[in-house]
Protein backbone atom coordinates (compact mmCIF):
# COMPACT_ATOMS: atom_id res chain seq x y z
CA MET A 1 210.98 -46.25 34.60
CA SER A 2 207.86 -45.21 32.56
CA ASP A 3 204.53 -46.44 33.35
CA ARG A 4 204.39 -48.34 30.05
CA ALA A 5 208.00 -49.44 30.64
CA SER A 6 206.68 -50.82 34.08
CA PHE A 7 203.57 -52.24 32.59
CA ASN A 8 205.91 -53.97 29.60
CA GLN A 9 207.47 -55.40 32.35
CA LEU A 10 205.03 -56.50 34.21
CA ARG A 11 203.96 -58.17 31.01
CA ASP A 12 206.83 -60.44 30.22
CA ASN A 13 207.34 -61.52 33.43
CA LEU A 14 203.86 -62.75 33.47
CA MET A 15 204.20 -64.52 29.92
CA SER A 16 207.26 -66.18 31.32
CA LEU A 17 205.67 -67.99 34.14
CA TYR A 18 202.64 -68.36 31.75
CA ALA A 19 205.02 -70.27 29.19
CA THR A 20 206.02 -72.56 32.29
CA GLY A 21 202.51 -73.57 32.74
CA ASP A 22 202.70 -71.69 36.25
CA TYR A 23 199.15 -70.04 36.10
CA ALA A 24 198.55 -69.57 39.74
CA ALA A 25 201.78 -67.40 39.98
CA ALA A 26 200.64 -65.54 37.21
CA LEU A 27 197.48 -64.87 38.54
CA GLU A 28 199.22 -63.44 42.08
CA LEU A 29 201.07 -61.12 39.71
CA VAL A 30 198.67 -59.86 37.96
CA GLU A 31 196.70 -59.44 41.15
CA LYS A 32 199.10 -57.54 42.97
CA ASN A 33 200.03 -55.41 40.81
CA GLU A 34 196.62 -54.40 38.53
CA GLN A 35 195.77 -51.60 40.62
CA ILE A 36 199.13 -49.92 39.75
CA PHE A 37 197.77 -49.63 35.80
CA PRO A 38 194.35 -48.43 36.10
CA ASP A 39 194.79 -47.76 32.37
CA MET A 40 195.09 -50.84 31.39
CA SER A 41 192.17 -52.84 33.06
CA ALA A 42 191.04 -53.84 30.39
CA ARG A 43 193.69 -56.22 29.58
CA THR A 44 194.52 -57.00 32.96
CA THR A 45 190.85 -58.02 33.80
CA PHE A 46 191.15 -60.20 30.51
CA TRP A 47 194.69 -61.75 31.50
CA LYS A 48 193.08 -62.58 35.20
CA MET A 49 189.96 -63.87 33.08
CA CYS A 50 192.28 -66.17 30.95
CA LEU A 51 194.40 -67.57 34.37
CA LEU A 52 190.97 -68.50 36.35
CA SER A 53 189.77 -70.41 33.92
CA LEU A 54 193.27 -72.44 33.27
CA GLU A 55 193.03 -72.84 36.93
CA GLY A 56 189.73 -74.46 37.12
CA ARG A 57 188.22 -71.30 39.11
CA LEU A 58 185.35 -70.97 36.51
CA GLU A 59 182.94 -69.06 38.60
CA ASP A 60 185.56 -66.51 39.71
CA ALA A 61 186.34 -66.41 35.87
CA LEU A 62 182.71 -65.33 35.43
CA SER A 63 182.81 -62.95 38.42
CA THR A 64 185.61 -61.07 36.80
CA PHE A 65 183.70 -61.02 33.39
CA ARG A 66 180.90 -59.60 35.16
CA GLN A 67 182.61 -57.20 37.67
CA GLY A 68 184.76 -55.93 34.13
CA LEU A 69 181.68 -55.12 32.31
CA GLN A 70 180.00 -53.53 35.30
CA ASP A 71 183.36 -50.87 35.21
CA GLY A 72 182.16 -50.34 31.87
CA LEU A 73 184.91 -52.25 29.52
CA TRP A 74 184.46 -54.18 27.16
CA TRP A 75 186.13 -56.97 24.19
CA ALA A 76 185.96 -57.87 20.72
CA GLU A 77 184.50 -60.97 19.82
CA SER A 78 187.92 -62.06 18.57
CA GLN A 79 189.10 -61.80 22.03
CA PHE A 80 187.02 -64.46 23.04
CA ILE A 81 188.56 -66.85 20.85
CA ASP A 82 191.51 -67.70 23.09
CA THR A 83 191.85 -71.37 23.88
CA ASP A 84 192.25 -70.16 27.33
CA LEU A 85 188.63 -69.56 27.99
CA ASP A 86 187.71 -73.27 26.49
CA PRO A 87 186.50 -74.32 29.83
CA LEU A 88 184.38 -71.55 30.18
CA ARG A 89 183.02 -71.59 26.49
CA ASP A 90 179.68 -73.76 26.93
CA LEU A 91 178.96 -72.14 29.69
CA PRO A 92 175.13 -70.28 29.47
CA GLU A 93 176.60 -66.68 31.66
CA PHE A 94 179.89 -66.90 29.70
CA LYS A 95 177.76 -66.73 26.27
CA GLU A 96 175.47 -63.79 27.50
CA LEU A 97 178.68 -62.16 28.75
CA VAL A 98 180.14 -62.70 25.60
CA LEU A 99 177.29 -61.24 23.91
CA GLU A 100 177.00 -57.99 26.00
CA SER A 101 180.47 -57.38 25.32
CA VAL A 102 180.34 -57.34 21.59
CA GLN A 103 177.39 -55.36 21.78
CA ARG A 104 179.27 -52.44 23.51
CA TRP A 105 182.09 -53.25 21.55
CA GLU A 106 179.75 -52.49 18.23
CA GLN A 107 178.72 -48.79 20.26
CA GLU A 108 181.71 -47.88 21.15
CA HIS A 109 183.46 -48.99 17.37
CA LYS A 110 181.25 -46.49 16.18
CA HIS A 111 183.20 -43.81 18.09
CA ILE A 112 186.98 -44.32 17.41
CA ASN A 113 188.45 -41.71 15.66
CA ARG A 114 191.62 -41.46 13.58
CA GLU A 115 194.72 -40.95 15.60
CA HIS A 116 198.51 -40.59 14.93
CA SER A 117 201.68 -39.43 15.74
CA LEU A 118 204.49 -37.80 14.08
CA VAL A 119 207.78 -37.16 15.51
CA LEU A 120 210.59 -35.41 14.13
CA PRO A 121 214.46 -36.14 14.95
CA ASP A 122 216.44 -34.18 17.41
CA ALA A 123 218.01 -31.05 16.20
CA LEU A 124 221.42 -32.12 15.17
CA SER A 125 219.46 -33.54 11.81
CA SER A 126 218.98 -31.77 9.11
CA PRO A 127 215.97 -31.82 6.83
CA PRO A 128 214.91 -33.30 4.48
CA TRP A 129 214.50 -36.23 6.84
CA PRO A 130 213.84 -39.68 5.29
CA LEU A 131 210.24 -40.86 6.96
CA LEU A 132 209.50 -44.33 8.65
CA ILE A 133 205.55 -45.05 9.07
CA THR A 134 205.58 -47.21 11.64
CA LEU A 135 202.72 -50.35 12.65
CA HIS A 136 201.74 -51.46 15.90
CA GLY A 137 201.23 -55.01 16.58
CA ARG A 138 198.09 -56.60 17.47
CA ASN A 139 196.77 -55.24 20.83
CA GLY A 140 198.93 -52.70 20.27
CA ASP A 141 198.20 -48.65 19.97
CA LYS A 142 200.70 -45.90 18.25
CA GLU A 143 202.66 -45.37 21.54
CA THR A 144 203.82 -48.98 21.97
CA ALA A 145 204.84 -48.16 17.92
CA LEU A 146 206.86 -44.98 19.18
CA GLU A 147 208.81 -46.80 21.77
CA GLN A 148 209.74 -50.19 19.64
CA TRP A 149 210.71 -47.80 16.70
CA GLU A 150 212.70 -44.81 18.79
CA VAL A 151 216.31 -45.92 17.02
CA ALA A 152 214.66 -44.37 13.81
CA ARG A 153 215.04 -40.87 15.40
CA GLY A 154 218.30 -40.85 16.64
CA LEU A 155 219.49 -41.91 12.92
CA GLY A 156 218.02 -38.85 11.52
CA TRP A 157 214.42 -40.45 10.82
CA ALA A 158 211.00 -38.60 10.76
CA VAL A 159 208.61 -41.37 12.51
CA LEU A 160 204.68 -41.59 11.63
CA SER A 161 203.31 -43.76 14.00
CA ALA A 162 199.73 -44.62 12.61
CA GLN A 163 196.91 -46.38 15.09
CA SER A 164 194.24 -48.62 13.96
CA THR A 165 190.64 -47.45 14.26
CA GLN A 166 189.99 -51.34 14.80
CA PRO A 167 189.40 -51.81 18.51
CA LEU A 168 189.80 -54.65 20.24
CA TYR A 169 189.40 -53.10 23.88
CA PRO A 170 190.04 -49.58 25.22
CA GLY A 171 193.38 -48.55 24.23
CA SER A 172 193.88 -51.38 22.13
CA TYR A 173 193.86 -52.25 18.49
CA CYS A 174 194.66 -54.84 15.46
CA TRP A 175 194.47 -54.81 11.43
CA ASP A 176 191.87 -57.72 11.55
CA ASP A 177 190.71 -55.51 8.28
CA PRO A 178 193.66 -54.94 5.89
CA ALA A 179 191.18 -52.65 3.85
CA VAL A 180 190.69 -50.32 6.86
CA GLY A 181 194.10 -50.11 7.85
CA LEU A 182 195.05 -49.28 4.34
CA ARG A 183 192.70 -46.34 4.46
CA ASP A 184 193.50 -45.21 8.10
CA ILE A 185 197.50 -45.00 6.75
CA LEU A 186 196.72 -43.60 3.33
CA SER A 187 194.69 -40.98 5.61
CA TYR A 188 197.60 -40.25 7.87
CA VAL A 189 199.95 -39.95 5.16
CA GLU A 190 197.87 -37.52 3.36
CA HIS A 191 197.92 -35.46 6.39
CA THR A 192 201.94 -35.54 7.20
CA LEU A 193 202.01 -34.74 2.94
CA GLU A 194 201.40 -31.09 5.03
CA THR A 195 204.77 -31.12 6.92
CA ASN A 196 207.66 -29.44 5.64
CA GLY A 197 211.13 -31.46 5.66
CA ILE A 198 210.09 -34.87 4.71
CA ASP A 199 211.82 -36.09 2.13
CA TRP A 200 209.02 -37.94 -0.17
CA GLU A 201 211.75 -39.80 -1.98
CA ARG A 202 212.92 -42.17 0.95
CA ILE A 203 209.80 -43.42 2.41
CA VAL A 204 209.94 -46.71 4.66
CA ILE A 205 207.01 -48.84 6.33
CA GLY A 206 207.74 -50.83 9.20
CA GLY A 207 205.75 -52.89 11.64
CA PHE A 208 205.67 -55.41 14.23
CA SER A 209 204.16 -58.68 14.36
CA GLN A 210 200.40 -58.21 13.11
CA GLY A 211 201.21 -54.33 12.08
CA SER A 212 204.71 -56.22 10.11
CA GLY A 213 202.07 -58.27 7.94
CA MET A 214 199.87 -54.75 7.22
CA ALA A 215 202.95 -52.73 6.67
CA ILE A 216 204.01 -55.57 3.64
CA TYR A 217 200.40 -55.37 2.42
CA ALA A 218 200.60 -51.47 2.35
CA ALA A 219 203.98 -51.51 0.62
CA LEU A 220 202.88 -54.31 -1.79
CA SER A 221 199.21 -52.61 -2.84
CA GLY A 222 201.19 -49.85 -4.15
CA ASN A 223 198.83 -46.92 -2.69
CA ILE A 224 201.37 -45.54 -0.51
CA PRO A 225 204.53 -44.13 -2.01
CA VAL A 226 206.92 -46.60 -0.42
CA ARG A 227 210.89 -47.30 -1.20
CA GLY A 228 210.02 -50.67 0.96
CA PHE A 229 209.13 -52.25 4.25
CA MET A 230 211.42 -53.40 7.34
CA VAL A 231 209.43 -55.92 9.74
CA SER A 232 209.93 -57.40 13.04
CA ALA A 233 208.47 -60.68 14.22
CA THR A 234 206.40 -60.88 11.27
CA TRP A 235 202.83 -62.09 11.23
CA TRP A 236 200.12 -62.03 9.07
CA GLN A 237 196.65 -64.15 8.77
CA ASP A 238 195.82 -64.11 5.06
CA VAL A 239 198.84 -64.72 3.08
CA GLU A 240 196.92 -65.08 -0.01
CA SER A 241 195.95 -61.47 0.39
CA LEU A 242 199.58 -60.87 -0.21
CA ALA A 243 199.94 -63.12 -3.12
CA ALA A 244 197.57 -60.93 -5.02
CA LEU A 245 199.15 -57.77 -4.34
CA ALA A 246 202.20 -59.02 -4.85
CA VAL A 247 201.79 -60.11 -8.65
CA GLY A 248 201.91 -56.44 -9.39
CA ALA A 249 203.93 -54.64 -7.02
CA LYS A 250 206.58 -53.09 -8.16
CA ASN A 251 210.35 -51.41 -6.96
CA VAL A 252 209.48 -52.56 -3.91
CA ARG A 253 212.45 -54.25 -1.26
CA GLY A 254 212.12 -55.81 2.12
CA TYR A 255 213.62 -56.08 5.14
CA PHE A 256 213.23 -59.10 7.81
CA VAL A 257 214.40 -59.37 11.22
CA THR A 258 213.50 -63.00 12.48
CA GLY A 259 213.77 -64.82 15.50
CA GLU A 260 215.03 -68.49 14.99
CA LYS A 261 212.34 -69.18 17.98
CA ASP A 262 209.74 -67.30 17.09
CA TYR A 263 206.21 -69.37 16.93
CA THR A 264 205.62 -66.88 13.56
CA LEU A 265 208.72 -67.94 11.80
CA GLY A 266 206.82 -71.11 9.61
CA ARG A 267 204.19 -67.78 8.80
CA VAL A 268 207.16 -66.05 8.12
CA ARG A 269 208.40 -68.63 5.21
CA GLU A 270 205.32 -68.85 3.43
CA ILE A 271 205.18 -64.70 2.68
CA GLN A 272 208.71 -65.27 1.61
CA ASP A 273 208.04 -67.59 -0.59
CA VAL A 274 205.47 -64.98 -1.84
CA LEU A 275 208.13 -62.41 -2.90
CA LYS A 276 210.66 -65.05 -4.20
CA GLN A 277 207.48 -66.24 -6.32
CA ASN A 278 207.02 -62.83 -7.43
CA ASN A 279 210.82 -61.44 -7.93
CA ILE A 280 210.58 -59.04 -5.15
CA ALA A 281 213.96 -58.60 -3.42
CA PHE A 282 214.21 -58.63 0.18
CA ALA A 283 216.99 -59.81 3.09
CA GLU A 284 216.72 -61.23 6.40
CA GLU A 285 218.70 -61.38 9.86
CA LEU A 286 217.69 -64.14 11.31
CA HIS A 287 218.63 -63.95 15.28
CA PRO A 288 219.17 -67.63 17.52
CA GLY A 289 217.27 -67.49 20.13
CA LEU A 290 215.09 -64.60 19.75
CA THR A 291 211.43 -65.63 20.17
CA HIS A 292 208.47 -63.10 19.37
CA GLU A 293 210.13 -59.48 20.29
CA PHE A 294 213.43 -57.28 19.00
CA PRO A 295 216.23 -57.83 18.99
CA ALA A 296 218.41 -55.94 21.73
CA ASP A 297 220.77 -54.36 19.28
CA PHE A 298 217.75 -52.80 17.03
CA GLU A 299 219.77 -50.05 15.67
CA THR A 300 222.37 -52.05 13.80
CA SER A 301 219.34 -53.99 12.54
CA PHE A 302 217.88 -51.04 11.21
CA THR A 303 221.04 -49.53 9.86
CA ARG A 304 220.93 -52.86 7.42
CA ALA A 305 217.47 -53.00 6.87
CA SER A 306 217.64 -48.93 5.44
CA GLU A 307 220.54 -49.91 3.16
CA PHE A 308 219.43 -52.63 1.88
CA ILE A 309 215.92 -50.82 0.79
CA PHE A 310 217.93 -48.03 -0.49
CA LYS A 311 220.58 -49.70 -2.07
CA GLU A 312 220.61 -49.05 -5.86
């Protein structure tokens, strides 16, 4: 198992304990494993801060925050909206530490470069290849997206994994500002235009969670030459921003992979209402029991989505 897969397993185990309210066991799990993943220290440190706060160990939470900053870590201001930190929120030292973190984030933000990955299909697939543009979720990166959409390569697609230039903490990014996100994606697509073997008549944009919302935003904008979007566990903060774009959107089709138990299901329905009101064709797979995640047989979902999007 790769380091990333092992870390994802740790995250899933942590979230299972968190969901049951067993914060002490979740904290113990993080503390036992954090040294194994030094590259993920910003995330594990933040988890510890939240769990210590929930456990009422406020001095320990502040100490963890303070040590994280001393170790060179930082977090965007939006991270501190997390309600797990409510017990700390009015403490003067917490406010000072947040200010220091945000100031450091502002400095680091200036030095974030655009990064993307382009992965071609295996040798068994002949060009020209259809292109899938993938967008990571909030707190993700380009490597996360490549893993999530690996099935596309096996089906003969080239995959362009776009990484946002909006950092949340070291190694973690978001699409909070869609205008910035759109500029990033356009830059990556223009770079990919230089690649031989891409079928520019068959481009689809896909995403997970917040990346799904960004994918829909980009597709509706008309600025990216895509035939449609395929999205999983869809979430987007500003549905009205999609409504404004949908009015002028043409020749775009969408495909939703949705979990019946996903906390974002209500937002998915709001987005779909916008598409219906503007006569934008879409289809959906609704998976019973699925939460905020990909279905086990995502290859089948991907095949259905591509068939729907390119249906004449």
